[in-house]
Amino acid sequence: MHATVHTRTQQFLQDTQSRSIPAQAAASLPLNIDRNAISEMKAAEEGGAFDYSPNGTNSKQPKEVPVNWCGTMPPSEGNLVDLSEQTAPKSDLPPPKRKSSLDEFDLEIEGITLDDNIDTSDVNIDDDLSE
């Protein structure tokens, strides 16, 4: 039983859509309206890049990498960093002594100069309280 051209073309398109292409190649790709999927499939068959498989998988295509639910590929084990092997270098010096927050506050207060000549003529506390 020989598969129809449409079935073979559909499998070819599924196989080609599952492969990723670099972004820089996007400008050189033809628009979908300008493509002829059947002629592309036939050219791929003649070139040996595509073989129809009745069970729906192309034997020349590598096995699919599992994809997470959000569409990203899981990290490979080789890219992970084992943090248990990394230890912080031990220092013989004691940690630097920090000033207490009270000392820092005292320094800030010393730098403040208060002006005793504040003009309060335009302030009426009674009006503010009655509102």
Foldseek 3Di string as FASTA:
>chain_A
DDDDLVVLLVLVVVLVVLDDDDPVCVVVDDDPVPDDSSVVSVVCVVVVNFDDDPVRDTPNDDDDQDADPVGHGDDDPVPDDDCVVDDDDDDPDDDDDDDDVVVVVVVVVVPDDDDPPDDCPPPDVVVVVVD
